[in-house]
Amino acid sequence: MTTTFRTTAILATSVLSTALLAPIAQAKDAQLTVGSVPAYFSGTYGTANTINIFYLPTYIQYRKDRLRIKLTIPYESVTGLPQGATLAGSNLSTRGGQTQTRSASGMGDTWITVRYSATHASNGHVGVHPYAKVKIATASHSAGLGSGHNDYEFGVGFDGRAGGYTFPFAHVGYRLVGKPANSSLQNIATYDFGASYVLPRSQSNILTAMFAGSQSEQKGYAGPADVIVAWNHNVTTQGSGFQLYIDKGLSNGSARYGIGFGGQIVF
């Protein structure tokens, strides 16, 4: 799984609220969202070991008119991490070169995302949403929970409406990866695409299928590539509700599988 526009949990929540709550996006009143989608991932990530990651992102988002500002603060716990390897959220940034493993837990890297809706997906128009992200290196590098350096990402998202209940979307971005001395890290392209479908009868249940991927931050390794299926159930018209998702890795740079469940409250 990637940590490009997201971790998957944050991505899926953001995508669904973007595509399906377009009328709210055009409202003048400010809106505050608080949520968390705890997730578990397991796989080798291109190493000789099985690595298990528990990722708990908590986010707060402020939204007014066309502007969104989101702060994400995660907690991470990992077992089976090779000595010298480092996490990048729910993915690996570096893999080390040793067979000895360790466990670690603590605060992950903090993300700040600013997003502007230049156009909305309505009346046959495509929604265009440029964004910028900053990763603040709050995770412990010595414990292997992060690189110890800030990252910067810029990109754009697109969404639309196909018929009455289907909402396709896509994102593409470029991340400037903070590089420790003597590291093999590199800047990466990030991308995803998919569609959400609102079940017509209730309109409170939303199904999403998507592909998400990126280049590998570490040279010489496969980048993450994942298929994600999510179900959202909204309990309010504003978007408060629950989410369940399943992640299936398609490359050696991904977890073999992942699962997450959580929710958000919109004020």
C-alpha atoms as a PDB file:
ATOM      1  CA  MET A   1       0.000   0.000   0.000  1.00  0.00           C
ATOM      2  CA  THR A   2       1.175   3.488  -0.749  1.00  0.00           C
ATOM      3  CA  THR A   3       1.443   6.627   1.263  1.00  0.00           C
ATOM      4  CA  THR A   4       1.195   8.873  -1.759  1.00  0.00           C
ATOM      5  CA  PHE A   5      -1.995  10.943  -1.573  1.00  0.00           C
ATOM      6  CA  ARG A   6      -2.793   9.027   1.472  1.00  0.00           C
ATOM      7  CA  THR A   7      -2.549   6.129   3.436  1.00  0.00           C
ATOM      8  CA  THR A   8      -5.341   4.140   1.892  1.00  0.00           C
ATOM      9  CA  ALA A   9      -7.748   4.901   4.703  1.00  0.00           C
ATOM     10  CA  ILE A  10      -7.287   8.651   4.392  1.00  0.00           C
ATOM     11  CA  LEU A  11      -7.391   8.427   0.608  1.00  0.00           C
ATOM     12  CA  ALA A  12     -10.622   6.510   0.478  1.00  0.00           C
ATOM     13  CA  THR A  13     -12.331   8.873   2.904  1.00  0.00           C
ATOM     14  CA  SER A  14     -11.092  11.911   0.981  1.00  0.00           C
ATOM     15  CA  VAL A  15     -12.049  10.500  -2.403  1.00  0.00           C
ATOM     16  CA  LEU A  16     -15.536   9.587  -1.331  1.00  0.00           C
ATOM     17  CA  SER A  17     -16.250  12.892   0.343  1.00  0.00           C
ATOM     18  CA  THR A  18     -14.905  14.735  -2.705  1.00  0.00           C
ATOM     19  CA  ALA A  19     -16.888  12.899  -5.333  1.00  0.00           C
ATOM     20  CA  LEU A  20     -20.113  12.260  -3.460  1.00  0.00           C
ATOM     21  CA  LEU A  21     -20.524  15.350  -1.328  1.00  0.00           C
ATOM     22  CA  ALA A  22     -20.078  17.876  -4.121  1.00  0.00           C
ATOM     23  CA  PRO A  23     -23.134  19.892  -3.078  1.00  0.00           C
ATOM     24  CA  ILE A  24     -21.614  20.321   0.377  1.00  0.00           C
ATOM     25  CA  ALA A  25     -18.336  21.452  -1.178  1.00  0.00           C
ATOM     26  CA  GLN A  26     -20.160  24.391  -2.700  1.00  0.00           C
ATOM     27  CA  ALA A  27     -21.716  25.456   0.585  1.00  0.00           C
ATOM     28  CA  LYS A  28     -20.577  28.686   2.195  1.00  0.00           C
ATOM     29  CA  ASP A  29     -20.574  27.437   5.777  1.00  0.00           C
ATOM     30  CA  ALA A  30     -17.299  26.226   7.243  1.00  0.00           C
ATOM     31  CA  GLN A  31     -17.156  22.535   8.053  1.00  0.00           C
ATOM     32  CA  LEU A  32     -14.948  20.559  10.452  1.00  0.00           C
ATOM     33  CA  THR A  33     -14.337  16.809  10.125  1.00  0.00           C
ATOM     34  CA  VAL A  34     -12.631  14.558  12.681  1.00  0.00           C
ATOM     35  CA  GLY A  35     -11.947  10.927  11.911  1.00  0.00           C
ATOM     36  CA  SER A  36      -9.747   7.875  12.194  1.00  0.00           C
ATOM     37  CA  VAL A  37      -9.500   4.592  10.255  1.00  0.00           C
ATOM     38  CA  PRO A  38      -7.210   2.114  12.077  1.00  0.00           C
ATOM     39  CA  ALA A  39      -5.637  -0.397   9.697  1.00  0.00           C
ATOM     40  CA  TYR A  40      -3.480  -3.522   9.714  1.00  0.00           C
ATOM     41  CA  PHE A  41      -1.084  -4.575   6.927  1.00  0.00           C
ATOM     42  CA  SER A  42       1.069  -7.652   6.472  1.00  0.00           C
ATOM     43  CA  GLY A  43       3.602  -8.608   3.814  1.00  0.00           C
ATOM     44  CA  THR A  44       7.280  -8.818   2.938  1.00  0.00           C
ATOM     45  CA  TYR A  45       7.489  -5.456   1.107  1.00  0.00           C
ATOM     46  CA  GLY A  46      10.363  -6.819  -0.980  1.00  0.00           C
ATOM     47  CA  THR A  47      12.356  -8.119   2.025  1.00  0.00           C
ATOM     48  CA  ALA A  48      13.031 -11.640   3.315  1.00  0.00           C
ATOM     49  CA  ASN A  49      10.791 -11.078   6.355  1.00  0.00           C
ATOM     50  CA  THR A  50       7.080 -10.828   7.022  1.00  0.00           C
ATOM     51  CA  ILE A  51       6.413  -7.307   8.317  1.00  0.00           C
ATOM     52  CA  ASN A  52       3.227  -6.492  10.243  1.00  0.00           C
ATOM     53  CA  ILE A  53       2.158  -2.863  10.525  1.00  0.00           C
ATOM     54  CA  PHE A  54      -0.639  -1.358  12.611  1.00  0.00           C
ATOM     55  CA  TYR A  55      -1.366   2.160  11.396  1.00  0.00           C
ATOM     56  CA  LEU A  56      -3.723   4.498  13.270  1.00  0.00           C
ATOM     57  CA  PRO A  57      -4.166   7.863  11.507  1.00  0.00           C
ATOM     58  CA  THR A  58      -6.258  10.539  13.214  1.00  0.00           C
ATOM     59  CA  TYR A  59      -7.169  13.516  11.069  1.00  0.00           C
ATOM     60  CA  ILE A  60      -8.851  16.885  11.403  1.00  0.00           C
ATOM     61  CA  GLN A  61     -10.048  18.683   8.290  1.00  0.00           C
ATOM     62  CA  TYR A  62     -11.277  22.256   7.901  1.00  0.00           C
ATOM     63  CA  ARG A  63     -13.360  22.970   4.819  1.00  0.00           C
ATOM     64  CA  LYS A  64     -14.852  26.222   3.572  1.00  0.00           C
ATOM     65  CA  ASP A  65     -16.038  27.051   0.064  1.00  0.00           C
ATOM     66  CA  ARG A  66     -13.405  25.592  -2.283  1.00  0.00           C
ATOM     67  CA  LEU A  67     -10.617  25.168   0.290  1.00  0.00           C
ATOM     68  CA  ARG A  68      -9.683  22.180   2.453  1.00  0.00           C
ATOM     69  CA  ILE A  69      -6.924  21.981   5.036  1.00  0.00           C
ATOM     70  CA  LYS A  70      -6.236  18.614   6.653  1.00  0.00           C
ATOM     71  CA  LEU A  71      -3.913  17.648   9.510  1.00  0.00           C
ATOM     72  CA  THR A  72      -3.134  13.926   9.944  1.00  0.00           C
ATOM     73  CA  ILE A  73      -1.299  12.622  13.012  1.00  0.00           C
ATOM     74  CA  PRO A  74      -0.685   8.841  13.030  1.00  0.00           C
ATOM     75  CA  TYR A  75       0.397   6.238  15.546  1.00  0.00           C
ATOM     76  CA  GLU A  76       2.421   3.297  14.189  1.00  0.00           C
ATOM     77  CA  SER A  77       3.373  -0.127  15.483  1.00  0.00           C
ATOM     78  CA  VAL A  78       5.503  -2.599  13.534  1.00  0.00           C
ATOM     79  CA  THR A  79       6.924  -6.093  14.040  1.00  0.00           C
ATOM     80  CA  GLY A  80       9.358  -7.987  11.828  1.00  0.00           C
ATOM     81  CA  LEU A  81      11.028  -4.798  10.566  1.00  0.00           C
ATOM     82  CA  PRO A  82      14.568  -5.587   9.286  1.00  0.00           C
ATOM     83  CA  GLN A  83      17.407  -3.761  11.034  1.00  0.00           C
ATOM     84  CA  GLY A  84      18.172  -0.611   9.055  1.00  0.00           C
ATOM     85  CA  ALA A  85      14.739  -0.475   7.382  1.00  0.00           C
ATOM     86  CA  THR A  86      12.420   2.503   7.847  1.00  0.00           C
ATOM     87  CA  LEU A  87       8.670   2.949   7.496  1.00  0.00           C
ATOM     88  CA  ALA A  88       6.871   5.478   5.342  1.00  0.00           C
ATOM     89  CA  GLY A  89       3.474   5.354   6.990  1.00  0.00           C
ATOM     90  CA  SER A  90       2.006   1.952   6.151  1.00  0.00           C
ATOM     91  CA  ASN A  91       4.692   1.306   3.541  1.00  0.00           C
ATOM     92  CA  LEU A  92       8.489   0.995   3.597  1.00  0.00           C
ATOM     93  CA  SER A  93      10.840   3.815   2.671  1.00  0.00           C
ATOM     94  CA  THR A  94      14.051   1.756   2.956  1.00  0.00           C
ATOM     95  CA  ARG A  95      14.538  -1.963   3.492  1.00  0.00           C
ATOM     96  CA  GLY A  96      17.955  -2.265   5.086  1.00  0.00           C
ATOM     97  CA  GLY A  97      20.200  -5.210   4.302  1.00  0.00           C
ATOM     98  CA  GLN A  98      20.015  -7.427   7.369  1.00  0.00           C
ATOM     99  CA  THR A  99      18.000 -10.499   8.307  1.00  0.00           C
ATOM    100  CA  GLN A 100      17.735  -9.483  11.980  1.00  0.00           C
ATOM    101  CA  THR A 101      14.422  -7.827  12.784  1.00  0.00           C
ATOM    102  CA  ARG A 102      13.022  -5.517  15.441  1.00  0.00           C
ATOM    103  CA  SER A 103       9.736  -4.146  16.706  1.00  0.00           C
ATOM    104  CA  ALA A 104       8.873  -0.512  17.312  1.00  0.00           C
ATOM    105  CA  SER A 105       5.901   1.725  18.005  1.00  0.00           C
ATOM    106  CA  GLY A 106       5.236   5.418  18.452  1.00  0.00           C
ATOM    107  CA  MET A 107       4.149   8.558  16.672  1.00  0.00           C
ATOM    108  CA  GLY A 108       4.355   8.498  12.885  1.00  0.00           C
ATOM    109  CA  ASP A 109       5.090  11.341  10.497  1.00  0.00           C
ATOM    110  CA  THR A 110       2.605  14.228  10.486  1.00  0.00           C
ATOM    111  CA  TRP A 111       0.984  15.283   7.209  1.00  0.00           C
ATOM    112  CA  ILE A 112      -0.530  18.661   6.331  1.00  0.00           C
ATOM    113  CA  THR A 113      -2.586  18.793   3.120  1.00  0.00           C
ATOM    114  CA  VAL A 114      -4.016  21.894   1.424  1.00  0.00           C
ATOM    115  CA  ARG A 115      -6.482  21.332  -1.405  1.00  0.00           C
ATOM    116  CA  TYR A 116      -8.392  23.756  -3.608  1.00  0.00           C
ATOM    117  CA  SER A 117     -11.378  22.884  -5.802  1.00  0.00           C
ATOM    118  CA  ALA A 118     -10.844  24.875  -8.985  1.00  0.00           C
ATOM    119  CA  THR A 119     -13.987  23.343 -10.517  1.00  0.00           C
ATOM    120  CA  HIS A 120     -16.667  20.963  -9.230  1.00  0.00           C
ATOM    121  CA  ALA A 121     -17.970  17.804 -10.876  1.00  0.00           C
ATOM    122  CA  SER A 122     -21.424  19.025 -11.866  1.00  0.00           C
ATOM    123  CA  ASN A 123     -23.463  19.738 -15.017  1.00  0.00           C
ATOM    124  CA  GLY A 124     -21.117  17.662 -17.159  1.00  0.00           C
ATOM    125  CA  HIS A 125     -17.971  19.408 -15.918  1.00  0.00           C
ATOM    126  CA  VAL A 126     -14.937  17.602 -14.511  1.00  0.00           C
ATOM    127  CA  GLY A 127     -13.875  18.543 -10.994  1.00  0.00           C
ATOM    128  CA  VAL A 128     -10.264  19.742 -10.801  1.00  0.00           C
ATOM    129  CA  HIS A 129      -8.572  19.864  -7.396  1.00  0.00           C
ATOM    130  CA  PRO A 130      -4.901  20.923  -7.113  1.00  0.00           C
ATOM    131  CA  TYR A 131      -3.250  20.023  -3.818  1.00  0.00           C
ATOM    132  CA  ALA A 132      -0.025  20.386  -1.866  1.00  0.00           C
ATOM    133  CA  LYS A 133       1.183  18.179   0.999  1.00  0.00           C
ATOM    134  CA  VAL A 134       3.971  18.473   3.532  1.00  0.00           C
ATOM    135  CA  LYS A 135       5.241  15.588   5.620  1.00  0.00           C
ATOM    136  CA  ILE A 136       6.686  16.800   8.911  1.00  0.00           C
ATOM    137  CA  ALA A 137       9.236  14.274  10.209  1.00  0.00           C
ATOM    138  CA  THR A 138       7.759  13.578  13.654  1.00  0.00           C
ATOM    139  CA  ALA A 139       8.419   9.800  13.531  1.00  0.00           C
ATOM    140  CA  SER A 140      11.512   8.386  15.216  1.00  0.00           C
ATOM    141  CA  HIS A 141      14.221   7.646  12.658  1.00  0.00           C
ATOM    142  CA  SER A 142      16.309   5.661  15.176  1.00  0.00           C
ATOM    143  CA  ALA A 143      13.331   3.364  15.814  1.00  0.00           C
ATOM    144  CA  GLY A 144      12.741   2.889  12.084  1.00  0.00           C
ATOM    145  CA  LEU A 145       9.359   4.648  12.105  1.00  0.00           C
ATOM    146  CA  GLY A 146      10.373   7.333   9.595  1.00  0.00           C
ATOM    147  CA  SER A 147      13.191   8.780   7.517  1.00  0.00           C
ATOM    148  CA  GLY A 148      13.757  11.746   9.830  1.00  0.00           C
ATOM    149  CA  HIS A 149      13.355  14.186   6.919  1.00  0.00           C
ATOM    150  CA  ASN A 150      10.437  16.221   5.585  1.00  0.00           C
ATOM    151  CA  ASP A 151       8.739  15.433   2.248  1.00  0.00           C
ATOM    152  CA  TYR A 152       6.842  17.760  -0.094  1.00  0.00           C
ATOM    153  CA  GLU A 153       4.217  16.695  -2.617  1.00  0.00           C
ATOM    154  CA  PHE A 154       2.293  18.575  -5.306  1.00  0.00           C
ATOM    155  CA  GLY A 155      -0.443  17.215  -7.530  1.00  0.00           C
ATOM    156  CA  VAL A 156      -3.961  17.430  -8.865  1.00  0.00           C
ATOM    157  CA  GLY A 157      -7.114  15.371  -8.471  1.00  0.00           C
ATOM    158  CA  PHE A 158      -9.960  14.920 -10.940  1.00  0.00           C
ATOM    159  CA  ASP A 159     -13.475  13.648 -10.422  1.00  0.00           C
ATOM    160  CA  GLY A 160     -16.695  13.442 -12.403  1.00  0.00           C
ATOM    161  CA  ARG A 161     -20.145  11.983 -12.563  1.00  0.00           C
ATOM    162  CA  ALA A 162     -21.183   9.154 -14.893  1.00  0.00           C
ATOM    163  CA  GLY A 163     -24.941   8.841 -14.781  1.00  0.00           C
ATOM    164  CA  GLY A 164     -26.782   9.348 -11.540  1.00  0.00           C
ATOM    165  CA  TYR A 165     -24.834   7.151  -9.122  1.00  0.00           C
ATOM    166  CA  THR A 166     -21.277   6.557 -10.397  1.00  0.00           C
ATOM    167  CA  PHE A 167     -18.390   8.912  -9.626  1.00  0.00           C
ATOM    168  CA  PRO A 168     -15.004   8.248 -11.306  1.00  0.00           C
ATOM    169  CA  PHE A 169     -11.864   9.889  -9.912  1.00  0.00           C
ATOM    170  CA  ALA A 170      -8.088  10.050 -10.374  1.00  0.00           C
ATOM    171  CA  HIS A 171      -5.059  11.732  -8.783  1.00  0.00           C
ATOM    172  CA  VAL A 172      -1.509  12.279  -9.974  1.00  0.00           C
ATOM    173  CA  GLY A 173       1.299  13.873  -7.963  1.00  0.00           C
ATOM    174  CA  TYR A 174       5.027  14.260  -7.549  1.00  0.00           C
ATOM    175  CA  ARG A 175       6.778  13.935  -4.190  1.00  0.00           C
ATOM    176  CA  LEU A 176      10.087  15.528  -3.242  1.00  0.00           C
ATOM    177  CA  VAL A 177      11.454  12.951  -0.804  1.00  0.00           C
ATOM    178  CA  GLY A 178      13.685  14.090   2.054  1.00  0.00           C
ATOM    179  CA  LYS A 179      16.962  12.235   1.743  1.00  0.00           C
ATOM    180  CA  PRO A 180      19.219  11.317   4.686  1.00  0.00           C
ATOM    181  CA  ALA A 181      22.953  11.409   4.003  1.00  0.00           C
ATOM    182  CA  ASN A 182      24.253   8.449   1.985  1.00  0.00           C
ATOM    183  CA  SER A 183      20.737   7.141   1.331  1.00  0.00           C
ATOM    184  CA  SER A 184      19.410   5.648  -1.911  1.00  0.00           C
ATOM    185  CA  LEU A 185      16.101   7.517  -1.739  1.00  0.00           C
ATOM    186  CA  GLN A 186      14.634   9.276  -4.767  1.00  0.00           C
ATOM    187  CA  ASN A 187      11.730  11.560  -5.654  1.00  0.00           C
ATOM    188  CA  ILE A 188       8.622   9.703  -6.813  1.00  0.00           C
ATOM    189  CA  ALA A 189       5.480  10.021  -8.914  1.00  0.00           C
ATOM    190  CA  THR A 190       2.193   9.057  -7.236  1.00  0.00           C
ATOM    191  CA  TYR A 191      -1.102   8.080  -8.869  1.00  0.00           C
ATOM    192  CA  ASP A 192      -4.492   6.461  -8.334  1.00  0.00           C
ATOM    193  CA  PHE A 193      -7.790   6.023 -10.152  1.00  0.00           C
ATOM    194  CA  GLY A 194     -11.126   4.392  -9.513  1.00  0.00           C
ATOM    195  CA  ALA A 195     -14.834   4.961  -9.092  1.00  0.00           C
ATOM    196  CA  SER A 196     -17.420   5.184  -6.347  1.00  0.00           C
ATOM    197  CA  TYR A 197     -20.989   3.933  -6.682  1.00  0.00           C
ATOM    198  CA  VAL A 198     -23.889   5.143  -4.517  1.00  0.00           C
ATOM    199  CA  LEU A 199     -26.476   2.455  -3.889  1.00  0.00           C
ATOM    200  CA  PRO A 200     -29.639   4.090  -5.259  1.00  0.00           C
ATOM    201  CA  ARG A 201     -32.200   2.852  -2.766  1.00  0.00           C
ATOM    202  CA  SER A 202     -30.663   4.228   0.435  1.00  0.00           C
ATOM    203  CA  GLN A 203     -28.003   6.640  -0.946  1.00  0.00           C
ATOM    204  CA  SER A 204     -26.228   6.231   2.394  1.00  0.00           C
ATOM    205  CA  ASN A 205     -24.124   3.260   1.272  1.00  0.00           C
ATOM    206  CA  ILE A 206     -21.188   3.861  -1.073  1.00  0.00           C
ATOM    207  CA  LEU A 207     -18.960   1.254  -2.734  1.00  0.00           C
ATOM    208  CA  THR A 208     -15.544   2.209  -4.083  1.00  0.00           C
ATOM    209  CA  ALA A 209     -12.988   0.281  -6.142  1.00  0.00           C
ATOM    210  CA  MET A 210      -9.616   1.800  -6.982  1.00  0.00           C
ATOM    211  CA  PHE A 211      -6.015   1.220  -7.955  1.00  0.00           C
ATOM    212  CA  ALA A 212      -3.259   3.135  -6.122  1.00  0.00           C
ATOM    213  CA  GLY A 213       0.459   3.141  -6.807  1.00  0.00           C
ATOM    214  CA  SER A 214       3.709   5.061  -6.876  1.00  0.00           C
ATOM    215  CA  GLN A 215       7.364   4.700  -7.716  1.00  0.00           C
ATOM    216  CA  SER A 216       9.568   3.243  -5.001  1.00  0.00           C
ATOM    217  CA  GLU A 217      11.249   5.772  -2.713  1.00  0.00           C
ATOM    218  CA  GLN A 218      14.266   3.439  -2.585  1.00  0.00           C
ATOM    219  CA  LYS A 219      16.121   2.923  -5.852  1.00  0.00           C
ATOM    220  CA  GLY A 220      16.231  -0.601  -7.197  1.00  0.00           C
ATOM    221  CA  TYR A 221      12.932  -1.820  -5.708  1.00  0.00           C
ATOM    222  CA  ALA A 222       9.410  -2.238  -7.022  1.00  0.00           C
ATOM    223  CA  GLY A 223       7.015   0.560  -6.212  1.00  0.00           C
ATOM    224  CA  PRO A 224       3.809  -0.173  -4.308  1.00  0.00           C
ATOM    225  CA  ALA A 225       0.724  -1.071  -6.337  1.00  0.00           C
ATOM    226  CA  ASP A 226      -2.589  -1.935  -4.721  1.00  0.00           C
ATOM    227  CA  VAL A 227      -6.231  -2.657  -5.470  1.00  0.00           C
ATOM    228  CA  ILE A 228      -8.554  -1.297  -2.788  1.00  0.00           C
ATOM    229  CA  VAL A 229     -12.245  -1.989  -2.236  1.00  0.00           C
ATOM    230  CA  ALA A 230     -14.123   0.146   0.303  1.00  0.00           C
ATOM    231  CA  TRP A 231     -17.609   0.413   1.748  1.00  0.00           C
ATOM    232  CA  ASN A 232     -18.815   3.636   3.357  1.00  0.00           C
ATOM    233  CA  HIS A 233     -22.023   4.006   5.317  1.00  0.00           C
ATOM    234  CA  ASN A 234     -23.104   7.579   5.990  1.00  0.00           C
ATOM    235  CA  VAL A 235     -25.315   8.152   9.011  1.00  0.00           C
ATOM    236  CA  THR A 236     -25.846  11.869   8.320  1.00  0.00           C
ATOM    237  CA  THR A 237     -26.365  13.826   5.102  1.00  0.00           C
ATOM    238  CA  GLN A 238     -23.217  15.825   5.888  1.00  0.00           C
ATOM    239  CA  GLY A 239     -21.012  12.724   5.631  1.00  0.00           C
ATOM    240  CA  SER A 240     -20.566  11.422   9.195  1.00  0.00           C
ATOM    241  CA  GLY A 241     -20.298   7.658   9.108  1.00  0.00           C
ATOM    242  CA  PHE A 242     -18.193   4.507   8.950  1.00  0.00           C
ATOM    243  CA  GLN A 243     -15.776   2.950   6.496  1.00  0.00           C
ATOM    244  CA  LEU A 244     -14.477  -0.572   5.908  1.00  0.00           C
ATOM    245  CA  TYR A 245     -11.832  -1.302   3.300  1.00  0.00           C
ATOM    246  CA  ILE A 246      -9.716  -4.204   2.049  1.00  0.00           C
ATOM    247  CA  ASP A 247      -6.345  -3.705   0.363  1.00  0.00           C
ATOM    248  CA  LYS A 248      -4.669  -6.290  -1.885  1.00  0.00           C
ATOM    249  CA  GLY A 249      -1.038  -5.669  -2.842  1.00  0.00           C
ATOM    250  CA  LEU A 250      -0.064  -6.367  -6.458  1.00  0.00           C
ATOM    251  CA  SER A 251       3.702  -5.819  -6.290  1.00  0.00           C
ATOM    252  CA  ASN A 252       6.705  -6.717  -4.129  1.00  0.00           C
ATOM    253  CA  GLY A 253       6.669  -3.140  -2.874  1.00  0.00           C
ATOM    254  CA  SER A 254       3.255  -3.551  -1.246  1.00  0.00           C
ATOM    255  CA  ALA A 255       1.800  -5.404   1.702  1.00  0.00           C
ATOM    256  CA  ARG A 256       0.318  -8.765   0.805  1.00  0.00           C
ATOM    257  CA  TYR A 257      -2.980  -7.567   2.267  1.00  0.00           C
ATOM    258  CA  GLY A 258      -4.458  -4.899   4.480  1.00  0.00           C
ATOM    259  CA  ILE A 259      -7.748  -4.154   6.203  1.00  0.00           C
ATOM    260  CA  GLY A 260      -9.079  -1.049   7.895  1.00  0.00           C
ATOM    261  CA  PHE A 261     -12.224   0.044   9.717  1.00  0.00           C
ATOM    262  CA  GLY A 262     -13.100   3.390  11.262  1.00  0.00           C
ATOM    263  CA  GLY A 263     -15.208   6.465  10.862  1.00  0.00           C
ATOM    264  CA  GLN A 264     -15.527  10.223  10.818  1.00  0.00           C
ATOM    265  CA  ILE A 265     -17.766  12.909  12.307  1.00  0.00           C
ATOM    266  CA  VAL A 266     -18.641  16.022  10.289  1.00  0.00           C
ATOM    267  CA  PHE A 267     -19.601  19.096  12.299  1.00  0.00           C
END
